[in-house]
Amino acid sequence: MYFGEHLVIAEVKQIDPNDNDEEPREQGQSRGIIVGWEESGRRVRNKIDSSKKQLKLRSQSQYPAILVLYDNVPIKSIDADDIKTAMYGHETVRLALPDDPENVSVEIEKVGFGSERKFTPSHNTTFSAIALLYKFGGALRLSIFHNIYAKHPIDPSWLRHDMVRHFTLDPLVQGIFQEWHEV
């Protein structure tokens, strides 16, 4: 597809309901409450794995590439945190325990990303972004989450529209989790 005059290779994947989605949906209908849990980022990681070969082949390592996800689950199954976890890994905190056993204070030594990451400076750099296509207020909207390690980044100015939002991670600051911010 073209963002203005810029060719961007895209693959669209739909996330459909699975067995884990049925119980929360039934609870919502019968009791008016919804309770459910799934490992953060799992569905997005699976879609990354199933699209990486094709995006790499089609982008020919010279064009930006984007994975567009459409969440077709009635009770939304993915959000910005799932995408961040799939891209960069689970958020982790390393604690420093005191040498003195009488001292009960624990200090944060390091905050960052840990396991299950799909994007690193040397892995999946073909992906310029992951986008989430969703309905809101009866209209389709697109949130684009830019890969900070992309070999060929997408410039947000290529696709500006009221229904499109662009996000990237906050800069790395010692002791603070990186969050999405709009660009």
N, C-alpha and C. Protein backbone atom coordinates (compact mmCIF):
# COMPACT_ATOMS: atom_id res chain seq x y z
N MET A 1 0.84 -1.17 0.00
CA MET A 1 0.00 0.00 0.00
C MET A 1 0.89 1.23 0.00
N TYR A 2 0.29 2.35 -0.36
CA TYR A 2 1.05 3.59 -0.40
C TYR A 2 0.56 4.53 0.70
N PHE A 3 1.51 5.10 1.43
CA PHE A 3 1.26 6.20 2.35
C PHE A 3 1.72 7.42 1.58
N GLY A 4 0.79 8.11 0.92
CA GLY A 4 1.18 9.19 0.03
C GLY A 4 1.95 8.60 -1.12
N GLU A 5 3.18 9.02 -1.29
CA GLU A 5 4.02 8.49 -2.37
C GLU A 5 4.98 7.40 -1.87
N HIS A 6 4.85 7.00 -0.62
CA HIS A 6 5.78 6.04 -0.01
C HIS A 6 5.18 4.64 0.02
N LEU A 7 5.88 3.70 -0.61
CA LEU A 7 5.45 2.31 -0.63
C LEU A 7 5.74 1.67 0.73
N VAL A 8 4.71 1.07 1.32
CA VAL A 8 4.83 0.36 2.59
C VAL A 8 4.22 -1.01 2.38
N ILE A 9 4.99 -2.05 2.67
CA ILE A 9 4.50 -3.42 2.55
C ILE A 9 3.67 -3.72 3.79
N ALA A 10 2.46 -4.26 3.58
CA ALA A 10 1.57 -4.52 4.71
C ALA A 10 1.01 -5.93 4.64
N GLU A 11 0.84 -6.50 5.80
CA GLU A 11 0.11 -7.76 5.92
C GLU A 11 -0.96 -7.52 6.97
N VAL A 12 -2.18 -7.94 6.65
CA VAL A 12 -3.30 -7.78 7.56
C VAL A 12 -3.65 -9.15 8.12
N LYS A 13 -3.76 -9.23 9.44
CA LYS A 13 -4.12 -10.47 10.12
C LYS A 13 -5.30 -10.16 11.04
N GLN A 14 -6.25 -11.09 11.04
CA GLN A 14 -7.42 -10.95 11.90
C GLN A 14 -7.25 -11.83 13.13
N ILE A 15 -7.62 -11.29 14.26
CA ILE A 15 -7.61 -12.06 15.50
C ILE A 15 -9.05 -12.44 15.79
N ASP A 16 -9.31 -13.74 15.73
CA ASP A 16 -10.66 -14.26 15.94
C ASP A 16 -10.81 -14.81 17.34
N PRO A 17 -12.06 -14.93 17.78
CA PRO A 17 -12.31 -15.49 19.12
C PRO A 17 -11.78 -16.93 19.22
N ASN A 18 -11.32 -17.28 20.41
CA ASN A 18 -10.90 -18.66 20.67
C ASN A 18 -11.68 -19.18 21.87
N ASP A 19 -11.37 -20.39 22.31
CA ASP A 19 -12.10 -21.01 23.42
C ASP A 19 -12.01 -20.17 24.70
N ASN A 20 -10.87 -19.50 24.92
CA ASN A 20 -10.70 -18.68 26.13
C ASN A 20 -11.62 -17.46 26.14
N ASP A 21 -12.11 -17.06 24.97
CA ASP A 21 -12.97 -15.87 24.87
C ASP A 21 -14.43 -16.19 25.18
N GLU A 22 -14.81 -17.45 25.08
CA GLU A 22 -16.22 -17.82 25.22
C GLU A 22 -16.75 -17.61 26.64
N GLU A 23 -16.01 -18.03 27.66
CA GLU A 23 -16.49 -17.92 29.04
C GLU A 23 -16.72 -16.46 29.46
N PRO A 24 -15.75 -15.55 29.23
CA PRO A 24 -16.02 -14.14 29.59
C PRO A 24 -17.23 -13.56 28.85
N ARG A 25 -17.41 -13.95 27.59
CA ARG A 25 -18.56 -13.45 26.82
C ARG A 25 -19.86 -13.93 27.45
N GLU A 26 -19.92 -15.23 27.82
CA GLU A 26 -21.11 -15.78 28.45
C GLU A 26 -21.37 -15.13 29.81
N GLN A 27 -20.31 -14.86 30.59
CA GLN A 27 -20.47 -14.19 31.88
C GLN A 27 -21.06 -12.80 31.69
N GLY A 28 -20.59 -12.11 30.70
CA GLY A 28 -21.09 -10.77 30.42
C GLY A 28 -22.56 -10.79 30.06
N GLN A 29 -22.98 -11.79 29.28
CA GLN A 29 -24.38 -11.87 28.88
C GLN A 29 -25.28 -12.30 30.04
N SER A 30 -24.83 -13.27 30.85
CA SER A 30 -25.71 -13.80 31.89
C SER A 30 -25.67 -13.00 33.19
N ARG A 31 -24.49 -12.48 33.58
CA ARG A 31 -24.37 -11.81 34.88
C ARG A 31 -24.01 -10.33 34.78
N GLY A 32 -23.71 -9.88 33.59
CA GLY A 32 -23.35 -8.48 33.44
C GLY A 32 -21.94 -8.15 33.87
N ILE A 33 -21.14 -9.19 34.18
CA ILE A 33 -19.73 -8.95 34.53
C ILE A 33 -18.86 -9.79 33.61
N ILE A 34 -17.65 -9.31 33.43
CA ILE A 34 -16.71 -10.02 32.58
C ILE A 34 -15.41 -10.18 33.34
N VAL A 35 -14.94 -11.42 33.42
CA VAL A 35 -13.67 -11.70 34.04
C VAL A 35 -12.90 -12.62 33.11
N GLY A 36 -11.71 -12.23 32.76
CA GLY A 36 -10.90 -13.07 31.88
C GLY A 36 -9.45 -12.67 31.98
N TRP A 37 -8.58 -13.58 31.61
CA TRP A 37 -7.17 -13.29 31.64
C TRP A 37 -6.48 -14.14 30.58
N GLU A 38 -5.50 -13.54 29.95
CA GLU A 38 -4.67 -14.26 29.00
C GLU A 38 -3.28 -13.65 29.07
N GLU A 39 -2.28 -14.46 28.79
CA GLU A 39 -0.91 -13.96 28.83
C GLU A 39 -0.75 -12.76 27.91
N SER A 40 -0.26 -11.67 28.47
CA SER A 40 -0.10 -10.43 27.70
C SER A 40 0.80 -10.64 26.50
N GLY A 41 0.31 -10.23 25.35
CA GLY A 41 1.11 -10.24 24.13
C GLY A 41 1.12 -11.55 23.37
N ARG A 42 0.56 -12.62 23.90
CA ARG A 42 0.65 -13.93 23.25
C ARG A 42 0.04 -13.93 21.85
N ARG A 43 -1.15 -13.39 21.71
CA ARG A 43 -1.80 -13.39 20.39
C ARG A 43 -1.01 -12.56 19.39
N VAL A 44 -0.48 -11.43 19.84
CA VAL A 44 0.30 -10.57 18.94
C VAL A 44 1.60 -11.27 18.55
N ARG A 45 2.29 -11.91 19.50
CA ARG A 45 3.52 -12.64 19.18
C ARG A 45 3.26 -13.72 18.13
N ASN A 46 2.14 -14.43 18.27
CA ASN A 46 1.80 -15.46 17.29
C ASN A 46 1.62 -14.87 15.89
N LYS A 47 1.00 -13.71 15.81
CA LYS A 47 0.80 -13.06 14.50
C LYS A 47 2.12 -12.55 13.94
N ILE A 48 3.01 -12.07 14.80
CA ILE A 48 4.35 -11.66 14.34
C ILE A 48 5.07 -12.86 13.73
N ASP A 49 5.06 -13.98 14.45
CA ASP A 49 5.73 -15.18 13.97
C ASP A 49 5.17 -15.65 12.63
N SER A 50 3.85 -15.57 12.47
CA SER A 50 3.25 -16.08 11.24
C SER A 50 3.38 -15.13 10.05
N SER A 51 3.84 -13.92 10.28
CA SER A 51 3.95 -12.97 9.17
C SER A 51 5.38 -12.55 8.85
N LYS A 52 6.35 -12.90 9.70
CA LYS A 52 7.70 -12.35 9.51
C LYS A 52 8.37 -12.78 8.21
N LYS A 53 8.20 -14.03 7.80
CA LYS A 53 8.84 -14.49 6.56
C LYS A 53 8.28 -13.75 5.36
N GLN A 54 6.97 -13.64 5.30
CA GLN A 54 6.35 -12.99 4.15
C GLN A 54 6.68 -11.50 4.10
N LEU A 55 6.65 -10.82 5.23
CA LEU A 55 6.98 -9.39 5.23
C LEU A 55 8.44 -9.16 4.82
N LYS A 56 9.32 -10.02 5.30
CA LYS A 56 10.73 -9.87 4.94
C LYS A 56 10.92 -10.09 3.44
N LEU A 57 10.27 -11.13 2.91
CA LEU A 57 10.38 -11.43 1.48
C LEU A 57 9.80 -10.30 0.64
N ARG A 58 8.61 -9.85 0.98
CA ARG A 58 7.93 -8.82 0.18
C ARG A 58 8.60 -7.44 0.29
N SER A 59 9.15 -7.14 1.44
CA SER A 59 9.78 -5.82 1.61
C SER A 59 11.15 -5.76 0.94
N GLN A 60 11.69 -6.92 0.60
CA GLN A 60 12.99 -7.02 -0.06
C GLN A 60 14.07 -6.28 0.70
N SER A 61 13.89 -6.14 1.99
CA SER A 61 14.83 -5.43 2.88
C SER A 61 15.12 -4.01 2.43
N GLN A 62 14.17 -3.42 1.68
CA GLN A 62 14.37 -2.03 1.26
C GLN A 62 13.15 -1.14 1.47
N TYR A 63 12.01 -1.74 1.83
CA TYR A 63 10.79 -0.96 2.05
C TYR A 63 10.32 -1.13 3.49
N PRO A 64 9.66 -0.12 4.03
CA PRO A 64 9.05 -0.30 5.35
C PRO A 64 7.98 -1.40 5.28
N ALA A 65 7.82 -2.11 6.38
CA ALA A 65 6.83 -3.19 6.44
C ALA A 65 6.01 -3.04 7.72
N ILE A 66 4.71 -3.28 7.60
CA ILE A 66 3.81 -3.11 8.74
C ILE A 66 2.87 -4.30 8.84
N LEU A 67 2.69 -4.77 10.05
CA LEU A 67 1.70 -5.81 10.33
C LEU A 67 0.48 -5.11 10.90
N VAL A 68 -0.67 -5.28 10.23
CA VAL A 68 -1.92 -4.67 10.67
C VAL A 68 -2.78 -5.77 11.29
N LEU A 69 -3.19 -5.57 12.53
CA LEU A 69 -4.01 -6.54 13.24
C LEU A 69 -5.43 -5.99 13.39
N TYR A 70 -6.40 -6.82 13.04
CA TYR A 70 -7.80 -6.47 13.27
C TYR A 70 -8.34 -7.39 14.35
N ASP A 71 -8.75 -6.81 15.46
CA ASP A 71 -9.26 -7.58 16.60
C ASP A 71 -10.75 -7.83 16.40
N ASN A 72 -11.07 -9.06 15.99
CA ASN A 72 -12.44 -9.46 15.69
C ASN A 72 -13.12 -10.15 16.88
N VAL A 73 -12.55 -10.00 18.05
CA VAL A 73 -13.11 -10.61 19.26
C VAL A 73 -14.11 -9.62 19.86
N PRO A 74 -15.37 -10.07 20.15
CA PRO A 74 -16.38 -9.14 20.66
C PRO A 74 -15.93 -8.38 21.91
N ILE A 75 -15.26 -9.06 22.83
CA ILE A 75 -14.68 -8.41 23.99
C ILE A 75 -13.21 -8.26 23.65
N LYS A 76 -12.77 -7.06 23.36
CA LYS A 76 -11.44 -6.83 22.78
C LYS A 76 -10.35 -7.63 23.49
N SER A 77 -9.51 -8.27 22.67
CA SER A 77 -8.51 -9.19 23.22
C SER A 77 -7.10 -8.65 23.20
N ILE A 78 -6.86 -7.56 22.46
CA ILE A 78 -5.52 -6.97 22.44
C ILE A 78 -5.62 -5.46 22.59
N ASP A 79 -4.56 -4.90 23.17
CA ASP A 79 -4.50 -3.45 23.34
C ASP A 79 -3.04 -3.01 23.20
N ALA A 80 -2.79 -1.75 23.49
CA ALA A 80 -1.44 -1.19 23.33
C ALA A 80 -0.42 -1.91 24.21
N ASP A 81 -0.82 -2.32 25.42
CA ASP A 81 0.12 -3.03 26.30
C ASP A 81 0.46 -4.41 25.75
N ASP A 82 -0.51 -5.10 25.16
CA ASP A 82 -0.23 -6.39 24.53
C ASP A 82 0.77 -6.23 23.38
N ILE A 83 0.60 -5.18 22.61
CA ILE A 83 1.50 -4.94 21.49
C ILE A 83 2.90 -4.62 22.00
N LYS A 84 3.00 -3.78 23.03
CA LYS A 84 4.31 -3.45 23.60
C LYS A 84 4.99 -4.69 24.16
N THR A 85 4.24 -5.53 24.87
CA THR A 85 4.81 -6.75 25.44
C THR A 85 5.27 -7.70 24.34
N ALA A 86 4.47 -7.85 23.30
CA ALA A 86 4.87 -8.73 22.19
C ALA A 86 6.12 -8.20 21.49
N MET A 87 6.19 -6.90 21.27
CA MET A 87 7.32 -6.32 20.56
C MET A 87 8.60 -6.36 21.39
N TYR A 88 8.52 -5.93 22.65
CA TYR A 88 9.73 -5.68 23.43
C TYR A 88 9.92 -6.57 24.65
N GLY A 89 8.91 -7.36 25.02
CA GLY A 89 9.05 -8.30 26.13
C GLY A 89 8.30 -7.85 27.36
N HIS A 90 8.23 -8.77 28.32
CA HIS A 90 7.56 -8.48 29.59
C HIS A 90 8.37 -7.45 30.37
N GLU A 91 7.68 -6.54 31.04
CA GLU A 91 8.36 -5.55 31.87
C GLU A 91 8.93 -6.25 33.10
N THR A 92 10.16 -5.95 33.42
CA THR A 92 10.84 -6.59 34.54
C THR A 92 11.48 -5.55 35.45
N VAL A 93 11.64 -5.93 36.68
CA VAL A 93 12.32 -5.09 37.67
C VAL A 93 13.36 -5.97 38.35
N ARG A 94 14.61 -5.51 38.36
CA ARG A 94 15.67 -6.20 39.10
C ARG A 94 15.90 -5.42 40.38
N LEU A 95 15.82 -6.15 41.50
CA LEU A 95 15.97 -5.51 42.81
C LEU A 95 17.36 -5.78 43.37
N ALA A 96 17.89 -4.81 44.07
CA ALA A 96 19.17 -4.96 44.75
C ALA A 96 18.90 -5.18 46.24
N LEU A 97 19.29 -6.33 46.74
CA LEU A 97 19.11 -6.63 48.16
C LEU A 97 20.32 -6.13 48.93
N PRO A 98 20.09 -5.63 50.12
CA PRO A 98 21.22 -5.09 50.90
C PRO A 98 22.14 -6.21 51.38
N ASP A 99 23.43 -5.88 51.52
CA ASP A 99 24.40 -6.84 52.06
C ASP A 99 24.16 -7.11 53.54
N ASP A 100 23.70 -6.09 54.23
CA ASP A 100 23.45 -6.19 55.67
C ASP A 100 22.06 -6.79 55.90
N PRO A 101 21.96 -7.99 56.51
CA PRO A 101 20.64 -8.61 56.72
C PRO A 101 19.73 -7.82 57.66
N GLU A 102 20.29 -6.91 58.43
CA GLU A 102 19.49 -6.08 59.32
C GLU A 102 18.81 -4.94 58.56
N ASN A 103 19.37 -4.59 57.42
CA ASN A 103 18.82 -3.52 56.60
C ASN A 103 17.72 -4.12 55.71
N VAL A 104 16.48 -3.71 55.88
CA VAL A 104 15.37 -4.29 55.15
C VAL A 104 15.01 -3.50 53.88
N SER A 105 15.74 -2.47 53.59
CA SER A 105 15.42 -1.69 52.39
C SER A 105 15.90 -2.42 51.14
N VAL A 106 15.06 -2.39 50.15
CA VAL A 106 15.36 -2.99 48.85
C VAL A 106 15.34 -1.86 47.84
N GLU A 107 16.33 -1.84 46.95
CA GLU A 107 16.40 -0.78 45.94
C GLU A 107 16.18 -1.36 44.56
N ILE A 108 15.59 -0.55 43.71
CA ILE A 108 15.42 -0.94 42.31
C ILE A 108 16.76 -0.76 41.63
N GLU A 109 17.27 -1.86 41.08
CA GLU A 109 18.56 -1.82 40.39
C GLU A 109 18.38 -1.52 38.90
N LYS A 110 17.36 -2.14 38.30
CA LYS A 110 17.16 -1.95 36.87
C LYS A 110 15.70 -2.23 36.52
N VAL A 111 15.15 -1.41 35.64
CA VAL A 111 13.81 -1.59 35.09
C VAL A 111 13.97 -1.72 33.59
N GLY A 112 13.27 -2.68 33.00
CA GLY A 112 13.38 -2.83 31.55
C GLY A 112 12.49 -3.92 31.03
N PHE A 113 12.83 -4.41 29.85
CA PHE A 113 12.07 -5.46 29.21
C PHE A 113 12.81 -6.78 29.37
N GLY A 114 12.04 -7.85 29.50
CA GLY A 114 12.63 -9.16 29.72
C GLY A 114 12.25 -10.15 28.64
N SER A 115 11.64 -11.24 29.06
CA SER A 115 11.39 -12.38 28.18
C SER A 115 10.26 -12.15 27.18
N GLU A 116 10.24 -13.03 26.20
CA GLU A 116 9.18 -13.10 25.19
C GLU A 116 9.20 -11.94 24.19
N ARG A 117 10.30 -11.22 24.09
CA ARG A 117 10.36 -10.11 23.13
C ARG A 117 10.55 -10.65 21.72
N LYS A 118 9.93 -9.99 20.76
CA LYS A 118 10.08 -10.35 19.35
C LYS A 118 10.98 -9.37 18.61
N PHE A 119 11.11 -8.15 19.12
CA PHE A 119 11.91 -7.13 18.43
C PHE A 119 13.11 -6.75 19.29
N THR A 120 14.27 -6.77 18.67
CA THR A 120 15.51 -6.32 19.30
C THR A 120 16.30 -5.58 18.23
N PRO A 121 17.45 -5.00 18.57
CA PRO A 121 18.25 -4.33 17.53
C PRO A 121 18.69 -5.26 16.40
N SER A 122 18.66 -6.58 16.64
CA SER A 122 19.10 -7.51 15.59
C SER A 122 18.03 -8.54 15.19
N HIS A 123 16.83 -8.44 15.71
CA HIS A 123 15.76 -9.39 15.37
C HIS A 123 14.50 -8.65 14.92
N ASN A 124 13.95 -9.11 13.80
CA ASN A 124 12.70 -8.58 13.25
C ASN A 124 12.77 -7.08 12.96
N THR A 125 13.91 -6.63 12.48
CA THR A 125 14.06 -5.22 12.11
C THR A 125 13.32 -4.90 10.81
N THR A 126 12.83 -5.92 10.12
CA THR A 126 12.01 -5.71 8.93
C THR A 126 10.71 -5.01 9.29
N PHE A 127 10.17 -5.33 10.48
CA PHE A 127 8.91 -4.73 10.92
C PHE A 127 9.15 -3.25 11.24
N SER A 128 8.49 -2.38 10.52
CA SER A 128 8.56 -0.95 10.81
C SER A 128 7.57 -0.58 11.90
N ALA A 129 6.47 -1.33 11.96
CA ALA A 129 5.43 -1.04 12.94
C ALA A 129 4.44 -2.18 13.01
N ILE A 130 3.69 -2.18 14.08
CA ILE A 130 2.50 -3.02 14.19
C ILE A 130 1.34 -2.06 14.37
N ALA A 131 0.29 -2.29 13.61
CA ALA A 131 -0.88 -1.41 13.68
C ALA A 131 -2.08 -2.20 14.19
N LEU A 132 -2.92 -1.53 14.92
CA LEU A 132 -4.16 -2.11 15.42
C LEU A 132 -5.32 -1.39 14.75
N LEU A 133 -6.09 -2.14 13.98
CA LEU A 133 -7.28 -1.62 13.30
C LEU A 133 -8.48 -2.01 14.16
N TYR A 134 -9.32 -1.04 14.52
CA TYR A 134 -10.43 -1.33 15.41
C TYR A 134 -11.58 -0.37 15.13
N LYS A 135 -12.77 -0.77 15.60
CA LYS A 135 -13.95 0.09 15.48
C LYS A 135 -14.12 0.88 16.77
N PHE A 136 -14.42 2.16 16.60
CA PHE A 136 -14.69 3.02 17.74
C PHE A 136 -15.73 4.04 17.30
N GLY A 137 -16.83 4.09 18.01
CA GLY A 137 -17.88 5.03 17.64
C GLY A 137 -18.42 4.80 16.25
N GLY A 138 -18.45 3.54 15.82
CA GLY A 138 -18.98 3.20 14.51
C GLY A 138 -18.01 3.42 13.36
N ALA A 139 -16.82 3.93 13.63
CA ALA A 139 -15.85 4.18 12.57
C ALA A 139 -14.60 3.33 12.78
N LEU A 140 -13.94 3.00 11.70
CA LEU A 140 -12.66 2.29 11.80
C LEU A 140 -11.56 3.28 12.14
N ARG A 141 -10.69 2.86 13.04
CA ARG A 141 -9.54 3.67 13.44
C ARG A 141 -8.30 2.81 13.37
N LEU A 142 -7.16 3.47 13.29
CA LEU A 142 -5.89 2.77 13.17
C LEU A 142 -4.89 3.39 14.14
N SER A 143 -4.33 2.55 15.01
CA SER A 143 -3.24 2.98 15.88
C SER A 143 -1.98 2.28 15.41
N ILE A 144 -0.94 3.05 15.11
CA ILE A 144 0.31 2.50 14.59
C ILE A 144 1.37 2.61 15.67
N PHE A 145 1.94 1.45 16.03
CA PHE A 145 2.96 1.37 17.07
C PHE A 145 4.31 1.12 16.39
N HIS A 146 5.15 2.13 16.36
CA HIS A 146 6.40 2.11 15.61
C HIS A 146 7.46 1.27 16.33
N ASN A 147 8.20 0.49 15.54
CA ASN A 147 9.30 -0.34 16.04
C ASN A 147 10.55 0.53 16.17
N ILE A 148 11.05 0.70 17.38
CA ILE A 148 12.23 1.55 17.58
C ILE A 148 13.48 0.96 16.96
N TYR A 149 13.44 -0.32 16.56
CA TYR A 149 14.60 -0.99 15.95
C TYR A 149 14.45 -1.17 14.44
N ALA A 150 13.44 -0.56 13.84
CA ALA A 150 13.16 -0.78 12.42
C ALA A 150 14.32 -0.34 11.53
N LYS A 151 14.62 -1.20 10.57
CA LYS A 151 15.64 -0.87 9.57
C LYS A 151 15.13 0.24 8.64
N HIS A 152 13.84 0.20 8.33
CA HIS A 152 13.21 1.20 7.47
C HIS A 152 11.98 1.75 8.19
N PRO A 153 12.16 2.78 9.03
CA PRO A 153 11.02 3.31 9.80
C PRO A 153 10.00 4.01 8.91
N ILE A 154 8.79 4.05 9.41
CA ILE A 154 7.72 4.81 8.76
C ILE A 154 7.69 6.19 9.40
N ASP A 155 7.68 7.20 8.58
CA ASP A 155 7.57 8.57 9.07
C ASP A 155 6.08 8.84 9.35
N PRO A 156 5.71 9.22 10.57
CA PRO A 156 4.30 9.47 10.86
C PRO A 156 3.65 10.50 9.94
N SER A 157 4.43 11.40 9.38
CA SER A 157 3.85 12.41 8.49
C SER A 157 3.34 11.80 7.18
N TRP A 158 3.76 10.57 6.87
CA TRP A 158 3.28 9.91 5.65
C TRP A 158 1.80 9.57 5.74
N LEU A 159 1.29 9.37 6.92
CA LEU A 159 -0.11 8.98 7.09
C LEU A 159 -0.70 9.71 8.29
N ARG A 160 -1.16 10.91 8.04
CA ARG A 160 -1.82 11.71 9.08
C ARG A 160 -3.30 11.79 8.73
N HIS A 161 -4.14 11.48 9.71
CA HIS A 161 -5.58 11.53 9.52
C HIS A 161 -6.21 11.53 10.90
N ASP A 162 -7.42 12.07 11.00
CA ASP A 162 -8.11 12.09 12.30
C ASP A 162 -8.30 10.69 12.87
N MET A 163 -8.42 9.69 12.02
CA MET A 163 -8.68 8.32 12.47
C MET A 163 -7.40 7.50 12.63
N VAL A 164 -6.24 8.12 12.49
CA VAL A 164 -4.96 7.41 12.59
C VAL A 164 -4.12 8.07 13.68
N ARG A 165 -3.60 7.24 14.59
CA ARG A 165 -2.71 7.73 15.65
C ARG A 165 -1.41 6.95 15.58
N HIS A 166 -0.30 7.63 15.82
CA HIS A 166 1.04 7.04 15.80
C HIS A 166 1.63 7.07 17.20
N PHE A 167 2.30 5.96 17.57
CA PHE A 167 2.92 5.86 18.90
C PHE A 167 4.33 5.32 18.78
N THR A 168 5.20 5.78 19.68
CA THR A 168 6.53 5.21 19.81
C THR A 168 6.84 5.14 21.31
N LEU A 169 7.89 4.42 21.65
CA LEU A 169 8.25 4.31 23.06
C LEU A 169 8.93 5.56 23.57
N ASP A 170 8.69 5.87 24.85
CA ASP A 170 9.43 6.93 25.51
C ASP A 170 10.92 6.61 25.45
N PRO A 171 11.78 7.62 25.52
CA PRO A 171 13.22 7.35 25.57
C PRO A 171 13.56 6.53 26.82
N LEU A 172 14.64 5.80 26.74
CA LEU A 172 15.09 4.97 27.86
C LEU A 172 15.64 5.87 28.97
N VAL A 173 15.05 5.74 30.16
CA VAL A 173 15.49 6.47 31.34
C VAL A 173 15.67 5.44 32.45
N GLN A 174 16.83 5.46 33.09
CA GLN A 174 17.11 4.49 34.16
C GLN A 174 16.03 4.51 35.23
N GLY A 175 15.49 3.34 35.56
CA GLY A 175 14.53 3.21 36.64
C GLY A 175 13.08 3.51 36.28
N ILE A 176 12.79 3.76 35.00
CA ILE A 176 11.43 4.09 34.59
C ILE A 176 11.04 3.18 33.42
N PHE A 177 9.83 2.60 33.50
CA PHE A 177 9.34 1.79 32.39
C PHE A 177 9.08 2.68 31.18
N GLN A 178 9.42 2.17 30.01
CA GLN A 178 9.13 2.89 28.77
C GLN A 178 7.66 2.69 28.41
N GLU A 179 6.97 3.76 28.15
CA GLU A 179 5.56 3.70 27.79
C GLU A 179 5.38 4.26 26.37
N TRP A 180 4.25 3.96 25.77
CA TRP A 180 3.92 4.54 24.46
C TRP A 180 3.62 6.02 24.63
N HIS A 181 4.07 6.82 23.69
CA HIS A 181 3.61 8.20 23.63
C HIS A 181 3.28 8.51 22.18
N GLU A 182 2.31 9.38 22.01
CA GLU A 182 1.83 9.70 20.67
C GLU A 182 2.80 10.65 19.98
N VAL A 183 3.04 10.39 18.69
CA VAL A 183 3.91 11.25 17.90
C VAL A 183 3.14 11.83 16.73
